[in-house]
Amino acid sequence: MASRYDLIVFDWDGTLMNSEARIVTCMQYAARDASQPVPSEAAARDIIGLGMREAVSSLFPQATEAEVEALIDAYRVHWLGDSVKPEVLFDGAHALITELHAAGLLLAVATGKSRRGLDKAFDESGLRDYFHTSRCADETFSKPHPQMLEEILSDLDTSPERAVVIGDTEYDMQMAANAGVEAVGVAHGVHEVERLRENGALQCFGDLFQLAAWLRELNGNS
């Protein structure tokens, strides 16, 4: 599999983890708890992939800094608690990651989640040990800024042309473009195929099984 890429950088929510419903519900609960207008499901879905502060500021543009902090705190209470149904890995995610790791590829995560949130997801999914490094939105600029991707490339001593980003939102595609890295979209997440392609997706796949087959084909294995 390493014939074209040495490093594969995955987004987490909406790409490997089917967490859309949980994120939307937690955001709606947070708005209720913080006495803010409850966003629609569509509005809450659209900010998935951004860092928490950027997401909240986009959803609640009139909120003061204190209100933004209250919303973030309320969201985290629900996300880190057990009042909302937990997220699950997409079908094929565990097999894909273990296969890529066994093939000797470098693997990383670039996510809008907080470090605390990603660590929780790593532990619950059992995938922590397969990734060589990761970056979260509370450690760098949020997507679509390229900082988290650039730091991953530096950590793993990989040139941009030897890496690929896998994601489900335009923010993933834009981050990759801003860092000079190719990007591939998966359509089972938040943004539709047309939106992914318009923002630079090299390819788009309906699920992780199709993505796995494409990655094998790059190395002449079917």
N, C-alpha and C. Protein backbone atom coordinates (compact mmCIF):
# COMPACT_ATOMS: atom_id res chain seq x y z
N MET A 1 0.80 -1.22 0.00
CA MET A 1 0.00 0.00 0.00
C MET A 1 0.83 1.27 0.00
N ALA A 2 2.10 1.16 0.25
CA ALA A 2 2.91 2.36 0.45
C ALA A 2 3.47 2.92 -0.85
N SER A 3 3.03 2.42 -1.99
CA SER A 3 3.61 2.86 -3.26
C SER A 3 3.34 4.32 -3.56
N ARG A 4 2.19 4.84 -3.14
CA ARG A 4 1.87 6.23 -3.43
C ARG A 4 1.99 7.12 -2.21
N TYR A 5 1.58 6.63 -1.05
CA TYR A 5 1.61 7.41 0.18
C TYR A 5 2.40 6.69 1.27
N ASP A 6 3.10 7.47 2.07
CA ASP A 6 3.77 6.94 3.25
C ASP A 6 2.94 7.20 4.51
N LEU A 7 2.13 8.26 4.46
CA LEU A 7 1.38 8.71 5.63
C LEU A 7 -0.08 8.93 5.25
N ILE A 8 -0.98 8.38 6.05
CA ILE A 8 -2.41 8.62 5.89
C ILE A 8 -2.92 9.31 7.14
N VAL A 9 -3.50 10.50 6.96
CA VAL A 9 -4.00 11.31 8.07
C VAL A 9 -5.53 11.27 8.04
N PHE A 10 -6.10 10.72 9.08
CA PHE A 10 -7.55 10.58 9.16
C PHE A 10 -8.16 11.68 10.03
N ASP A 11 -9.27 12.22 9.56
CA ASP A 11 -10.19 12.92 10.44
C ASP A 11 -10.83 11.86 11.33
N TRP A 12 -11.45 12.28 12.43
CA TRP A 12 -12.06 11.29 13.33
C TRP A 12 -13.58 11.26 13.19
N ASP A 13 -14.26 12.30 13.68
CA ASP A 13 -15.73 12.33 13.67
C ASP A 13 -16.26 12.39 12.25
N GLY A 14 -17.14 11.46 11.90
CA GLY A 14 -17.73 11.44 10.57
C GLY A 14 -16.90 10.71 9.54
N THR A 15 -15.66 10.35 9.91
CA THR A 15 -14.77 9.64 8.99
C THR A 15 -14.53 8.22 9.49
N LEU A 16 -14.00 8.09 10.68
CA LEU A 16 -13.81 6.78 11.31
C LEU A 16 -14.92 6.48 12.32
N MET A 17 -15.38 7.52 12.99
CA MET A 17 -16.38 7.35 14.05
C MET A 17 -17.72 7.94 13.63
N ASN A 18 -18.77 7.15 13.81
CA ASN A 18 -20.12 7.60 13.47
C ASN A 18 -20.68 8.37 14.67
N SER A 19 -20.27 9.62 14.77
CA SER A 19 -20.57 10.42 15.96
C SER A 19 -21.48 11.60 15.67
N GLU A 20 -22.00 11.68 14.46
CA GLU A 20 -22.80 12.84 14.07
C GLU A 20 -23.98 13.06 15.01
N ALA A 21 -24.77 12.02 15.26
CA ALA A 21 -25.97 12.18 16.09
C ALA A 21 -25.61 12.62 17.50
N ARG A 22 -24.52 12.07 18.04
CA ARG A 22 -24.11 12.44 19.39
C ARG A 22 -23.66 13.90 19.46
N ILE A 23 -22.90 14.34 18.45
CA ILE A 23 -22.44 15.72 18.44
C ILE A 23 -23.63 16.68 18.36
N VAL A 24 -24.56 16.39 17.46
CA VAL A 24 -25.74 17.25 17.29
C VAL A 24 -26.54 17.32 18.58
N THR A 25 -26.79 16.18 19.19
CA THR A 25 -27.58 16.15 20.42
C THR A 25 -26.88 16.90 21.55
N CYS A 26 -25.57 16.68 21.69
CA CYS A 26 -24.82 17.38 22.75
C CYS A 26 -24.85 18.88 22.53
N MET A 27 -24.75 19.33 21.27
CA MET A 27 -24.80 20.76 21.00
C MET A 27 -26.17 21.33 21.31
N GLN A 28 -27.21 20.61 20.97
CA GLN A 28 -28.56 21.08 21.26
C GLN A 28 -28.81 21.11 22.77
N TYR A 29 -28.35 20.12 23.48
CA TYR A 29 -28.48 20.10 24.95
C TYR A 29 -27.69 21.26 25.57
N ALA A 30 -26.50 21.51 25.03
CA ALA A 30 -25.67 22.59 25.56
C ALA A 30 -26.36 23.94 25.39
N ALA A 31 -26.97 24.15 24.23
CA ALA A 31 -27.70 25.40 23.99
C ALA A 31 -28.84 25.55 24.98
N ARG A 32 -29.57 24.50 25.19
CA ARG A 32 -30.67 24.52 26.17
C ARG A 32 -30.15 24.87 27.57
N ASP A 33 -29.07 24.20 27.98
CA ASP A 33 -28.52 24.40 29.31
C ASP A 33 -27.98 25.82 29.50
N ALA A 34 -27.45 26.40 28.41
CA ALA A 34 -26.85 27.72 28.48
C ALA A 34 -27.84 28.83 28.12
N SER A 35 -29.11 28.46 28.00
CA SER A 35 -30.18 29.42 27.71
C SER A 35 -29.96 30.17 26.40
N GLN A 36 -29.51 29.40 25.39
CA GLN A 36 -29.31 29.94 24.05
C GLN A 36 -30.32 29.29 23.10
N PRO A 37 -30.58 29.91 21.94
CA PRO A 37 -31.49 29.29 20.97
C PRO A 37 -30.95 27.93 20.55
N VAL A 38 -31.81 26.93 20.56
CA VAL A 38 -31.38 25.57 20.20
C VAL A 38 -31.24 25.48 18.69
N PRO A 39 -30.06 25.15 18.18
CA PRO A 39 -29.86 25.08 16.73
C PRO A 39 -30.60 23.89 16.12
N SER A 40 -30.94 24.02 14.85
CA SER A 40 -31.54 22.90 14.15
C SER A 40 -30.53 21.79 13.97
N GLU A 41 -31.01 20.60 13.65
CA GLU A 41 -30.11 19.49 13.38
C GLU A 41 -29.18 19.80 12.23
N ALA A 42 -29.72 20.41 11.17
CA ALA A 42 -28.90 20.73 9.99
C ALA A 42 -27.82 21.73 10.34
N ALA A 43 -28.15 22.76 11.13
CA ALA A 43 -27.16 23.77 11.50
C ALA A 43 -26.07 23.16 12.36
N ALA A 44 -26.45 22.31 13.30
CA ALA A 44 -25.47 21.68 14.19
C ALA A 44 -24.58 20.71 13.42
N ARG A 45 -25.13 20.03 12.43
CA ARG A 45 -24.34 19.10 11.62
C ARG A 45 -23.27 19.85 10.83
N ASP A 46 -23.62 21.03 10.36
CA ASP A 46 -22.75 21.73 9.41
C ASP A 46 -21.44 22.19 10.03
N ILE A 47 -21.38 22.32 11.35
CA ILE A 47 -20.15 22.80 11.99
C ILE A 47 -19.27 21.65 12.47
N ILE A 48 -19.72 20.41 12.27
CA ILE A 48 -18.90 19.26 12.67
C ILE A 48 -17.60 19.28 11.86
N GLY A 49 -16.50 19.14 12.56
CA GLY A 49 -15.19 19.19 11.92
C GLY A 49 -14.39 20.40 12.34
N LEU A 50 -15.07 21.46 12.76
CA LEU A 50 -14.39 22.64 13.28
C LEU A 50 -13.97 22.41 14.73
N GLY A 51 -13.01 23.20 15.20
CA GLY A 51 -12.71 23.20 16.62
C GLY A 51 -13.92 23.69 17.40
N MET A 52 -13.98 23.36 18.68
CA MET A 52 -15.17 23.68 19.47
C MET A 52 -15.46 25.17 19.51
N ARG A 53 -14.45 25.98 19.74
CA ARG A 53 -14.70 27.42 19.83
C ARG A 53 -15.19 27.97 18.48
N GLU A 54 -14.58 27.52 17.40
CA GLU A 54 -15.01 27.97 16.07
C GLU A 54 -16.43 27.50 15.76
N ALA A 55 -16.75 26.26 16.18
CA ALA A 55 -18.08 25.71 15.94
C ALA A 55 -19.14 26.50 16.70
N VAL A 56 -18.87 26.75 17.97
CA VAL A 56 -19.84 27.48 18.80
C VAL A 56 -19.99 28.91 18.31
N SER A 57 -18.89 29.56 17.95
CA SER A 57 -18.97 30.94 17.46
C SER A 57 -19.74 31.02 16.15
N SER A 58 -19.62 29.99 15.32
CA SER A 58 -20.35 29.96 14.05
C SER A 58 -21.84 29.75 14.28
N LEU A 59 -22.18 28.86 15.21
CA LEU A 59 -23.58 28.57 15.49
C LEU A 59 -24.28 29.69 16.24
N PHE A 60 -23.53 30.38 17.09
CA PHE A 60 -24.11 31.42 17.94
C PHE A 60 -23.32 32.72 17.75
N PRO A 61 -23.45 33.35 16.58
CA PRO A 61 -22.61 34.52 16.25
C PRO A 61 -22.84 35.72 17.17
N GLN A 62 -23.97 35.78 17.83
CA GLN A 62 -24.25 36.92 18.71
C GLN A 62 -23.81 36.67 20.15
N ALA A 63 -23.30 35.47 20.43
CA ALA A 63 -22.92 35.13 21.80
C ALA A 63 -21.70 35.93 22.25
N THR A 64 -21.72 36.37 23.50
CA THR A 64 -20.56 37.03 24.09
C THR A 64 -19.49 35.99 24.40
N GLU A 65 -18.30 36.44 24.75
CA GLU A 65 -17.22 35.51 25.09
C GLU A 65 -17.63 34.64 26.29
N ALA A 66 -18.29 35.24 27.27
CA ALA A 66 -18.74 34.48 28.44
C ALA A 66 -19.78 33.44 28.04
N GLU A 67 -20.66 33.79 27.12
CA GLU A 67 -21.69 32.85 26.67
C GLU A 67 -21.08 31.72 25.85
N VAL A 68 -20.05 32.04 25.04
CA VAL A 68 -19.35 30.99 24.30
C VAL A 68 -18.71 30.00 25.26
N GLU A 69 -18.06 30.50 26.30
CA GLU A 69 -17.44 29.62 27.30
C GLU A 69 -18.48 28.76 27.99
N ALA A 70 -19.65 29.33 28.30
CA ALA A 70 -20.71 28.57 28.95
C ALA A 70 -21.22 27.46 28.03
N LEU A 71 -21.34 27.75 26.76
CA LEU A 71 -21.79 26.75 25.80
C LEU A 71 -20.77 25.61 25.67
N ILE A 72 -19.49 25.97 25.60
CA ILE A 72 -18.45 24.96 25.50
C ILE A 72 -18.45 24.06 26.74
N ASP A 73 -18.55 24.68 27.91
CA ASP A 73 -18.57 23.90 29.15
C ASP A 73 -19.77 22.96 29.19
N ALA A 74 -20.93 23.46 28.76
CA ALA A 74 -22.14 22.64 28.78
C ALA A 74 -22.03 21.49 27.80
N TYR A 75 -21.45 21.76 26.63
CA TYR A 75 -21.25 20.70 25.64
C TYR A 75 -20.37 19.59 26.21
N ARG A 76 -19.28 19.98 26.84
CA ARG A 76 -18.34 18.99 27.35
C ARG A 76 -18.96 18.13 28.45
N VAL A 77 -19.83 18.72 29.25
CA VAL A 77 -20.52 17.94 30.29
C VAL A 77 -21.29 16.79 29.64
N HIS A 78 -22.02 17.09 28.58
CA HIS A 78 -22.80 16.05 27.92
C HIS A 78 -21.91 15.08 27.14
N TRP A 79 -20.88 15.62 26.45
CA TRP A 79 -20.03 14.75 25.63
C TRP A 79 -19.25 13.76 26.49
N LEU A 80 -18.74 14.22 27.59
CA LEU A 80 -17.93 13.36 28.45
C LEU A 80 -18.76 12.54 29.43
N GLY A 81 -20.06 12.83 29.49
CA GLY A 81 -20.95 12.07 30.36
C GLY A 81 -21.59 10.90 29.63
N ASP A 82 -22.62 10.35 30.21
CA ASP A 82 -23.29 9.19 29.61
C ASP A 82 -24.78 9.42 29.38
N SER A 83 -25.17 10.70 29.28
CA SER A 83 -26.58 11.02 29.08
C SER A 83 -27.01 10.91 27.62
N VAL A 84 -26.03 10.86 26.71
CA VAL A 84 -26.31 10.78 25.28
C VAL A 84 -25.75 9.48 24.75
N LYS A 85 -26.49 8.85 23.85
CA LYS A 85 -26.08 7.57 23.28
C LYS A 85 -24.66 7.66 22.72
N PRO A 86 -23.77 6.73 23.07
CA PRO A 86 -22.37 6.80 22.60
C PRO A 86 -22.24 6.58 21.10
N GLU A 87 -21.16 7.10 20.55
CA GLU A 87 -20.87 6.91 19.13
C GLU A 87 -20.21 5.56 18.90
N VAL A 88 -20.21 5.11 17.66
CA VAL A 88 -19.59 3.83 17.31
C VAL A 88 -18.73 4.01 16.07
N LEU A 89 -17.74 3.14 15.88
CA LEU A 89 -16.95 3.16 14.67
C LEU A 89 -17.81 2.81 13.47
N PHE A 90 -17.52 3.42 12.33
CA PHE A 90 -18.17 3.02 11.10
C PHE A 90 -17.75 1.60 10.74
N ASP A 91 -18.63 0.90 10.05
CA ASP A 91 -18.30 -0.45 9.59
C ASP A 91 -17.02 -0.40 8.76
N GLY A 92 -16.11 -1.29 9.06
CA GLY A 92 -14.87 -1.38 8.31
C GLY A 92 -13.74 -0.53 8.85
N ALA A 93 -14.02 0.33 9.85
CA ALA A 93 -12.99 1.24 10.34
C ALA A 93 -11.85 0.49 11.03
N HIS A 94 -12.20 -0.41 11.93
CA HIS A 94 -11.16 -1.12 12.68
C HIS A 94 -10.30 -1.97 11.73
N ALA A 95 -10.94 -2.67 10.81
CA ALA A 95 -10.21 -3.51 9.86
C ALA A 95 -9.30 -2.66 8.97
N LEU A 96 -9.79 -1.50 8.53
CA LEU A 96 -8.99 -0.63 7.68
C LEU A 96 -7.74 -0.16 8.40
N ILE A 97 -7.90 0.33 9.62
CA ILE A 97 -6.77 0.87 10.36
C ILE A 97 -5.75 -0.22 10.68
N THR A 98 -6.22 -1.38 11.08
CA THR A 98 -5.27 -2.45 11.40
C THR A 98 -4.55 -2.94 10.14
N GLU A 99 -5.24 -2.97 9.01
CA GLU A 99 -4.62 -3.39 7.76
C GLU A 99 -3.54 -2.40 7.32
N LEU A 100 -3.86 -1.11 7.39
CA LEU A 100 -2.89 -0.09 6.99
C LEU A 100 -1.67 -0.11 7.91
N HIS A 101 -1.91 -0.29 9.18
CA HIS A 101 -0.81 -0.35 10.14
C HIS A 101 0.08 -1.56 9.86
N ALA A 102 -0.55 -2.70 9.61
CA ALA A 102 0.22 -3.91 9.32
C ALA A 102 1.04 -3.78 8.05
N ALA A 103 0.57 -2.95 7.11
CA ALA A 103 1.29 -2.74 5.86
C ALA A 103 2.48 -1.80 6.02
N GLY A 104 2.66 -1.25 7.21
CA GLY A 104 3.81 -0.41 7.48
C GLY A 104 3.61 1.07 7.20
N LEU A 105 2.37 1.48 6.94
CA LEU A 105 2.10 2.88 6.70
C LEU A 105 2.10 3.67 8.00
N LEU A 106 2.47 4.94 7.91
CA LEU A 106 2.33 5.85 9.03
C LEU A 106 0.89 6.33 9.08
N LEU A 107 0.31 6.36 10.29
CA LEU A 107 -1.08 6.75 10.46
C LEU A 107 -1.18 7.87 11.49
N ALA A 108 -2.06 8.82 11.23
CA ALA A 108 -2.24 9.95 12.15
C ALA A 108 -3.70 10.38 12.15
N VAL A 109 -4.05 11.15 13.16
CA VAL A 109 -5.39 11.73 13.27
C VAL A 109 -5.25 13.25 13.38
N ALA A 110 -6.04 13.97 12.59
CA ALA A 110 -6.16 15.42 12.67
C ALA A 110 -7.64 15.73 12.88
N THR A 111 -7.99 16.24 14.05
CA THR A 111 -9.40 16.32 14.41
C THR A 111 -9.78 17.64 15.06
N GLY A 112 -11.03 17.99 14.91
CA GLY A 112 -11.58 19.14 15.59
C GLY A 112 -11.91 18.86 17.04
N LYS A 113 -11.76 17.62 17.48
CA LYS A 113 -12.01 17.27 18.87
C LYS A 113 -10.94 17.89 19.78
N SER A 114 -11.25 17.96 21.06
CA SER A 114 -10.24 18.32 22.04
C SER A 114 -9.35 17.11 22.32
N ARG A 115 -8.20 17.36 22.93
CA ARG A 115 -7.33 16.23 23.29
C ARG A 115 -8.05 15.28 24.25
N ARG A 116 -8.76 15.83 25.20
CA ARG A 116 -9.48 14.98 26.14
C ARG A 116 -10.51 14.13 25.42
N GLY A 117 -11.21 14.74 24.45
CA GLY A 117 -12.22 14.00 23.70
C GLY A 117 -11.62 12.92 22.83
N LEU A 118 -10.48 13.22 22.17
CA LEU A 118 -9.85 12.21 21.32
C LEU A 118 -9.29 11.07 22.16
N ASP A 119 -8.69 11.39 23.29
CA ASP A 119 -8.15 10.33 24.15
C ASP A 119 -9.27 9.39 24.59
N LYS A 120 -10.42 9.94 24.91
CA LYS A 120 -11.57 9.11 25.29
C LYS A 120 -11.99 8.23 24.12
N ALA A 121 -12.02 8.81 22.92
CA ALA A 121 -12.41 8.04 21.74
C ALA A 121 -11.38 6.96 21.41
N PHE A 122 -10.10 7.28 21.54
CA PHE A 122 -9.05 6.29 21.34
C PHE A 122 -9.24 5.09 22.27
N ASP A 123 -9.47 5.39 23.54
CA ASP A 123 -9.61 4.31 24.52
C ASP A 123 -10.85 3.46 24.26
N GLU A 124 -11.95 4.11 23.93
CA GLU A 124 -13.21 3.39 23.72
C GLU A 124 -13.19 2.58 22.43
N SER A 125 -12.46 3.05 21.41
CA SER A 125 -12.42 2.36 20.13
C SER A 125 -11.35 1.27 20.07
N GLY A 126 -10.36 1.37 20.95
CA GLY A 126 -9.25 0.42 20.92
C GLY A 126 -8.25 0.69 19.81
N LEU A 127 -8.28 1.88 19.22
CA LEU A 127 -7.42 2.17 18.08
C LEU A 127 -6.17 3.00 18.43
N ARG A 128 -6.02 3.39 19.67
CA ARG A 128 -4.94 4.30 20.05
C ARG A 128 -3.57 3.85 19.52
N ASP A 129 -3.24 2.60 19.73
CA ASP A 129 -1.87 2.12 19.45
C ASP A 129 -1.55 2.03 17.96
N TYR A 130 -2.55 2.19 17.09
CA TYR A 130 -2.31 2.09 15.66
C TYR A 130 -1.87 3.42 15.04
N PHE A 131 -2.04 4.50 15.78
CA PHE A 131 -1.71 5.82 15.24
C PHE A 131 -0.38 6.30 15.79
N HIS A 132 0.43 6.85 14.89
CA HIS A 132 1.78 7.28 15.26
C HIS A 132 1.80 8.67 15.88
N THR A 133 0.83 9.49 15.56
CA THR A 133 0.71 10.81 16.18
C THR A 133 -0.69 11.34 15.91
N SER A 134 -1.03 12.43 16.57
CA SER A 134 -2.35 13.05 16.37
C SER A 134 -2.28 14.51 16.79
N ARG A 135 -3.21 15.29 16.27
CA ARG A 135 -3.35 16.69 16.66
C ARG A 135 -4.83 17.01 16.82
N CYS A 136 -5.11 17.86 17.83
CA CYS A 136 -6.49 18.25 18.13
C CYS A 136 -6.63 19.77 18.04
N ALA A 137 -7.88 20.21 17.95
CA ALA A 137 -8.13 21.63 17.72
C ALA A 137 -7.78 22.51 18.91
N ASP A 138 -7.65 21.92 20.11
CA ASP A 138 -7.24 22.74 21.25
C ASP A 138 -5.72 22.78 21.40
N GLU A 139 -5.01 22.20 20.44
CA GLU A 139 -3.54 22.22 20.45
C GLU A 139 -2.96 23.07 19.33
N THR A 140 -3.77 23.33 18.31
CA THR A 140 -3.33 24.10 17.15
C THR A 140 -4.50 24.96 16.68
N PHE A 141 -4.29 25.69 15.58
CA PHE A 141 -5.41 26.34 14.93
C PHE A 141 -6.39 25.28 14.44
N SER A 142 -7.66 25.63 14.41
CA SER A 142 -8.68 24.72 13.91
C SER A 142 -8.60 24.59 12.39
N LYS A 143 -9.07 23.48 11.86
CA LYS A 143 -9.28 23.36 10.42
C LYS A 143 -10.18 24.52 9.99
N PRO A 144 -10.01 25.05 8.78
CA PRO A 144 -9.16 24.57 7.68
C PRO A 144 -7.72 25.08 7.70
N HIS A 145 -7.32 25.75 8.78
CA HIS A 145 -5.92 26.16 8.90
C HIS A 145 -5.03 24.91 8.83
N PRO A 146 -3.87 24.98 8.17
CA PRO A 146 -3.06 23.77 7.96
C PRO A 146 -2.15 23.40 9.13
N GLN A 147 -2.17 24.15 10.24
CA GLN A 147 -1.17 23.93 11.27
C GLN A 147 -1.13 22.50 11.79
N MET A 148 -2.29 21.92 12.11
CA MET A 148 -2.25 20.58 12.69
C MET A 148 -1.68 19.56 11.71
N LEU A 149 -1.98 19.74 10.43
CA LEU A 149 -1.44 18.83 9.42
C LEU A 149 0.06 19.06 9.21
N GLU A 150 0.47 20.29 9.22
CA GLU A 150 1.89 20.60 9.07
C GLU A 150 2.70 20.03 10.23
N GLU A 151 2.15 20.09 11.43
CA GLU A 151 2.85 19.54 12.60
C GLU A 151 2.94 18.01 12.51
N ILE A 152 1.90 17.38 12.01
CA ILE A 152 1.93 15.92 11.82
C ILE A 152 3.01 15.54 10.81
N LEU A 153 3.07 16.26 9.69
CA LEU A 153 4.10 16.00 8.68
C LEU A 153 5.50 16.15 9.28
N SER A 154 5.66 17.17 10.11
CA SER A 154 6.96 17.39 10.75
C SER A 154 7.27 16.28 11.75
N ASP A 155 6.29 15.91 12.56
CA ASP A 155 6.48 14.84 13.55
C ASP A 155 6.97 13.55 12.90
N LEU A 156 6.38 13.24 11.75
CA LEU A 156 6.64 11.96 11.09
C LEU A 156 7.60 12.09 9.91
N ASP A 157 8.23 13.25 9.80
CA ASP A 157 9.27 13.48 8.79
C ASP A 157 8.81 13.04 7.41
N THR A 158 7.64 13.52 7.02
CA THR A 158 7.02 13.15 5.75
C THR A 158 6.77 14.39 4.90
N SER A 159 7.09 14.34 3.64
CA SER A 159 6.83 15.47 2.75
C SER A 159 5.35 15.49 2.36
N PRO A 160 4.81 16.67 2.06
CA PRO A 160 3.39 16.77 1.72
C PRO A 160 2.95 15.85 0.58
N GLU A 161 3.80 15.67 -0.42
CA GLU A 161 3.41 14.85 -1.57
C GLU A 161 3.35 13.36 -1.26
N ARG A 162 3.85 12.96 -0.09
CA ARG A 162 3.81 11.55 0.31
C ARG A 162 2.73 11.27 1.34
N ALA A 163 1.82 12.23 1.50
CA ALA A 163 0.75 12.09 2.49
C ALA A 163 -0.61 12.29 1.83
N VAL A 164 -1.64 11.80 2.50
CA VAL A 164 -3.02 12.01 2.05
C VAL A 164 -3.91 12.18 3.28
N VAL A 165 -4.88 13.06 3.16
CA VAL A 165 -5.87 13.29 4.22
C VAL A 165 -7.16 12.59 3.83
N ILE A 166 -7.75 11.88 4.79
CA ILE A 166 -9.06 11.24 4.59
C ILE A 166 -10.05 11.94 5.50
N GLY A 167 -11.12 12.50 4.93
CA GLY A 167 -12.09 13.22 5.75
C GLY A 167 -13.47 13.26 5.15
N ASP A 168 -14.41 13.81 5.92
CA ASP A 168 -15.81 13.84 5.48
C ASP A 168 -16.36 15.25 5.35
N THR A 169 -15.52 16.28 5.57
CA THR A 169 -16.02 17.66 5.48
C THR A 169 -15.15 18.52 4.58
N GLU A 170 -15.72 19.63 4.16
CA GLU A 170 -14.95 20.59 3.36
C GLU A 170 -13.77 21.12 4.15
N TYR A 171 -13.86 21.16 5.48
CA TYR A 171 -12.77 21.67 6.31
C TYR A 171 -11.55 20.76 6.21
N ASP A 172 -11.78 19.45 6.10
CA ASP A 172 -10.67 18.51 5.91
C ASP A 172 -10.01 18.74 4.55
N MET A 173 -10.83 18.89 3.52
CA MET A 173 -10.31 19.10 2.18
C MET A 173 -9.53 20.42 2.10
N GLN A 174 -10.05 21.46 2.72
CA GLN A 174 -9.40 22.77 2.69
C GLN A 174 -8.09 22.75 3.48
N MET A 175 -8.09 22.09 4.63
CA MET A 175 -6.86 21.98 5.42
C MET A 175 -5.77 21.31 4.59
N ALA A 176 -6.14 20.21 3.93
CA ALA A 176 -5.17 19.49 3.10
C ALA A 176 -4.63 20.40 1.99
N ALA A 177 -5.52 21.08 1.30
CA ALA A 177 -5.09 21.97 0.21
C ALA A 177 -4.17 23.06 0.73
N ASN A 178 -4.48 23.58 1.90
CA ASN A 178 -3.67 24.66 2.47
C ASN A 178 -2.27 24.18 2.86
N ALA A 179 -2.12 22.87 3.06
CA ALA A 179 -0.81 22.30 3.39
C ALA A 179 -0.14 21.65 2.20
N GLY A 180 -0.77 21.70 1.03
CA GLY A 180 -0.20 21.09 -0.17
C GLY A 180 -0.26 19.57 -0.16
N VAL A 181 -1.30 19.03 0.48
CA VAL A 181 -1.48 17.58 0.62
C VAL A 181 -2.73 17.15 -0.12
N GLU A 182 -2.70 15.99 -0.76
CA GLU A 182 -3.89 15.46 -1.42
C GLU A 182 -4.93 15.06 -0.37
N ALA A 183 -6.20 15.06 -0.78
CA ALA A 183 -7.27 14.70 0.15
C ALA A 183 -8.29 13.81 -0.55
N VAL A 184 -8.86 12.91 0.22
CA VAL A 184 -9.88 11.98 -0.25
C VAL A 184 -11.08 12.08 0.68
N GLY A 185 -12.26 12.08 0.11
CA GLY A 185 -13.47 12.22 0.91
C GLY A 185 -14.20 10.90 1.11
N VAL A 186 -14.89 10.80 2.24
CA VAL A 186 -15.82 9.71 2.49
C VAL A 186 -17.21 10.32 2.66
N ALA A 187 -18.19 9.74 1.99
CA ALA A 187 -19.51 10.36 1.90
C ALA A 187 -20.49 9.89 2.96
N HIS A 188 -20.03 9.09 3.92
CA HIS A 188 -20.97 8.64 4.95
C HIS A 188 -20.99 9.59 6.15
N GLY A 189 -20.27 10.73 6.03
CA GLY A 189 -20.20 11.67 7.13
C GLY A 189 -21.11 12.86 6.94
N VAL A 190 -20.57 14.06 7.13
CA VAL A 190 -21.39 15.27 7.24
C VAL A 190 -21.67 15.93 5.89
N HIS A 191 -20.66 16.15 5.07
CA HIS A 191 -20.83 16.92 3.84
C HIS A 191 -20.97 16.02 2.62
N GLU A 192 -21.83 16.44 1.70
CA GLU A 192 -22.13 15.63 0.53
C GLU A 192 -20.96 15.62 -0.45
N VAL A 193 -21.00 14.65 -1.37
CA VAL A 193 -19.90 14.44 -2.30
C VAL A 193 -19.58 15.70 -3.10
N GLU A 194 -20.60 16.40 -3.59
CA GLU A 194 -20.36 17.59 -4.40
C GLU A 194 -19.57 18.64 -3.63
N ARG A 195 -19.90 18.77 -2.36
CA ARG A 195 -19.21 19.76 -1.52
C ARG A 195 -17.76 19.35 -1.29
N LEU A 196 -17.54 18.06 -1.11
CA LEU A 196 -16.17 17.57 -0.93
C LEU A 196 -15.34 17.79 -2.20
N ARG A 197 -15.93 17.47 -3.35
CA ARG A 197 -15.22 17.64 -4.61
C ARG A 197 -14.93 19.12 -4.88
N GLU A 198 -15.89 19.97 -4.60
CA GLU A 198 -15.70 21.40 -4.84
C GLU A 198 -14.56 21.96 -4.00
N ASN A 199 -14.27 21.30 -2.89
CA ASN A 199 -13.21 21.78 -2.00
C ASN A 199 -11.93 20.98 -2.12
N GLY A 200 -11.80 20.21 -3.24
CA GLY A 200 -10.52 19.63 -3.57
C GLY A 200 -10.35 18.15 -3.38
N ALA A 201 -11.43 17.41 -3.09
CA ALA A 201 -11.28 15.97 -2.92
C ALA A 201 -10.81 15.31 -4.21
N LEU A 202 -9.74 14.54 -4.11
CA LEU A 202 -9.20 13.80 -5.25
C LEU A 202 -10.15 12.69 -5.67
N GLN A 203 -10.71 12.01 -4.67
CA GLN A 203 -11.68 10.94 -4.86
C GLN A 203 -12.69 11.03 -3.74
N CYS A 204 -13.87 10.43 -3.94
CA CYS A 204 -14.86 10.33 -2.87
C CYS A 204 -15.40 8.90 -2.85
N PHE A 205 -15.53 8.35 -1.66
CA PHE A 205 -15.99 6.97 -1.52
C PHE A 205 -17.19 6.92 -0.58
N GLY A 206 -18.09 5.97 -0.88
CA GLY A 206 -19.31 5.86 -0.11
C GLY A 206 -19.11 5.29 1.28
N ASP A 207 -18.08 4.48 1.44
CA ASP A 207 -17.82 3.89 2.75
C ASP A 207 -16.35 3.51 2.85
N LEU A 208 -15.98 2.98 4.01
CA LEU A 208 -14.58 2.65 4.26
C LEU A 208 -14.13 1.40 3.53
N PHE A 209 -15.06 0.54 3.15
CA PHE A 209 -14.70 -0.64 2.37
C PHE A 209 -14.22 -0.22 0.98
N GLN A 210 -14.93 0.74 0.38
CA GLN A 210 -14.51 1.25 -0.93
C GLN A 210 -13.17 1.97 -0.83
N LEU A 211 -12.99 2.72 0.25
CA LEU A 211 -11.70 3.39 0.46
C LEU A 211 -10.58 2.38 0.59
N ALA A 212 -10.81 1.32 1.36
CA ALA A 212 -9.78 0.29 1.55
C ALA A 212 -9.40 -0.36 0.22
N ALA A 213 -10.39 -0.63 -0.62
CA ALA A 213 -10.13 -1.25 -1.92
C ALA A 213 -9.29 -0.33 -2.79
N TRP A 214 -9.58 0.97 -2.76
CA TRP A 214 -8.81 1.95 -3.54
C TRP A 214 -7.37 2.00 -3.06
N LEU A 215 -7.17 2.00 -1.75
CA LEU A 215 -5.81 2.04 -1.22
C LEU A 215 -5.03 0.79 -1.60
N ARG A 216 -5.69 -0.36 -1.60
CA ARG A 216 -5.02 -1.58 -2.04
C ARG A 216 -4.65 -1.49 -3.51
N GLU A 217 -5.54 -0.95 -4.29
CA GLU A 217 -5.30 -0.86 -5.75
C GLU A 217 -4.10 0.02 -6.06
N LEU A 218 -3.85 1.01 -5.22
CA LEU A 218 -2.68 1.87 -5.44
C LEU A 218 -1.40 1.08 -5.41
N ASN A 219 -1.42 -0.03 -4.70
CA ASN A 219 -0.22 -0.87 -4.59
C ASN A 219 -0.31 -2.13 -5.45
N GLY A 220 -1.35 -2.16 -6.30
CA GLY A 220 -1.49 -3.30 -7.19
C GLY A 220 -2.07 -4.53 -6.51
N ASN A 221 -2.70 -4.35 -5.34
CA ASN A 221 -3.32 -5.48 -4.65
C ASN A 221 -4.82 -5.32 -4.66
N SER A 222 -5.54 -6.33 -5.08
CA SER A 222 -7.00 -6.25 -5.13
C SER A 222 -7.60 -7.21 -4.14
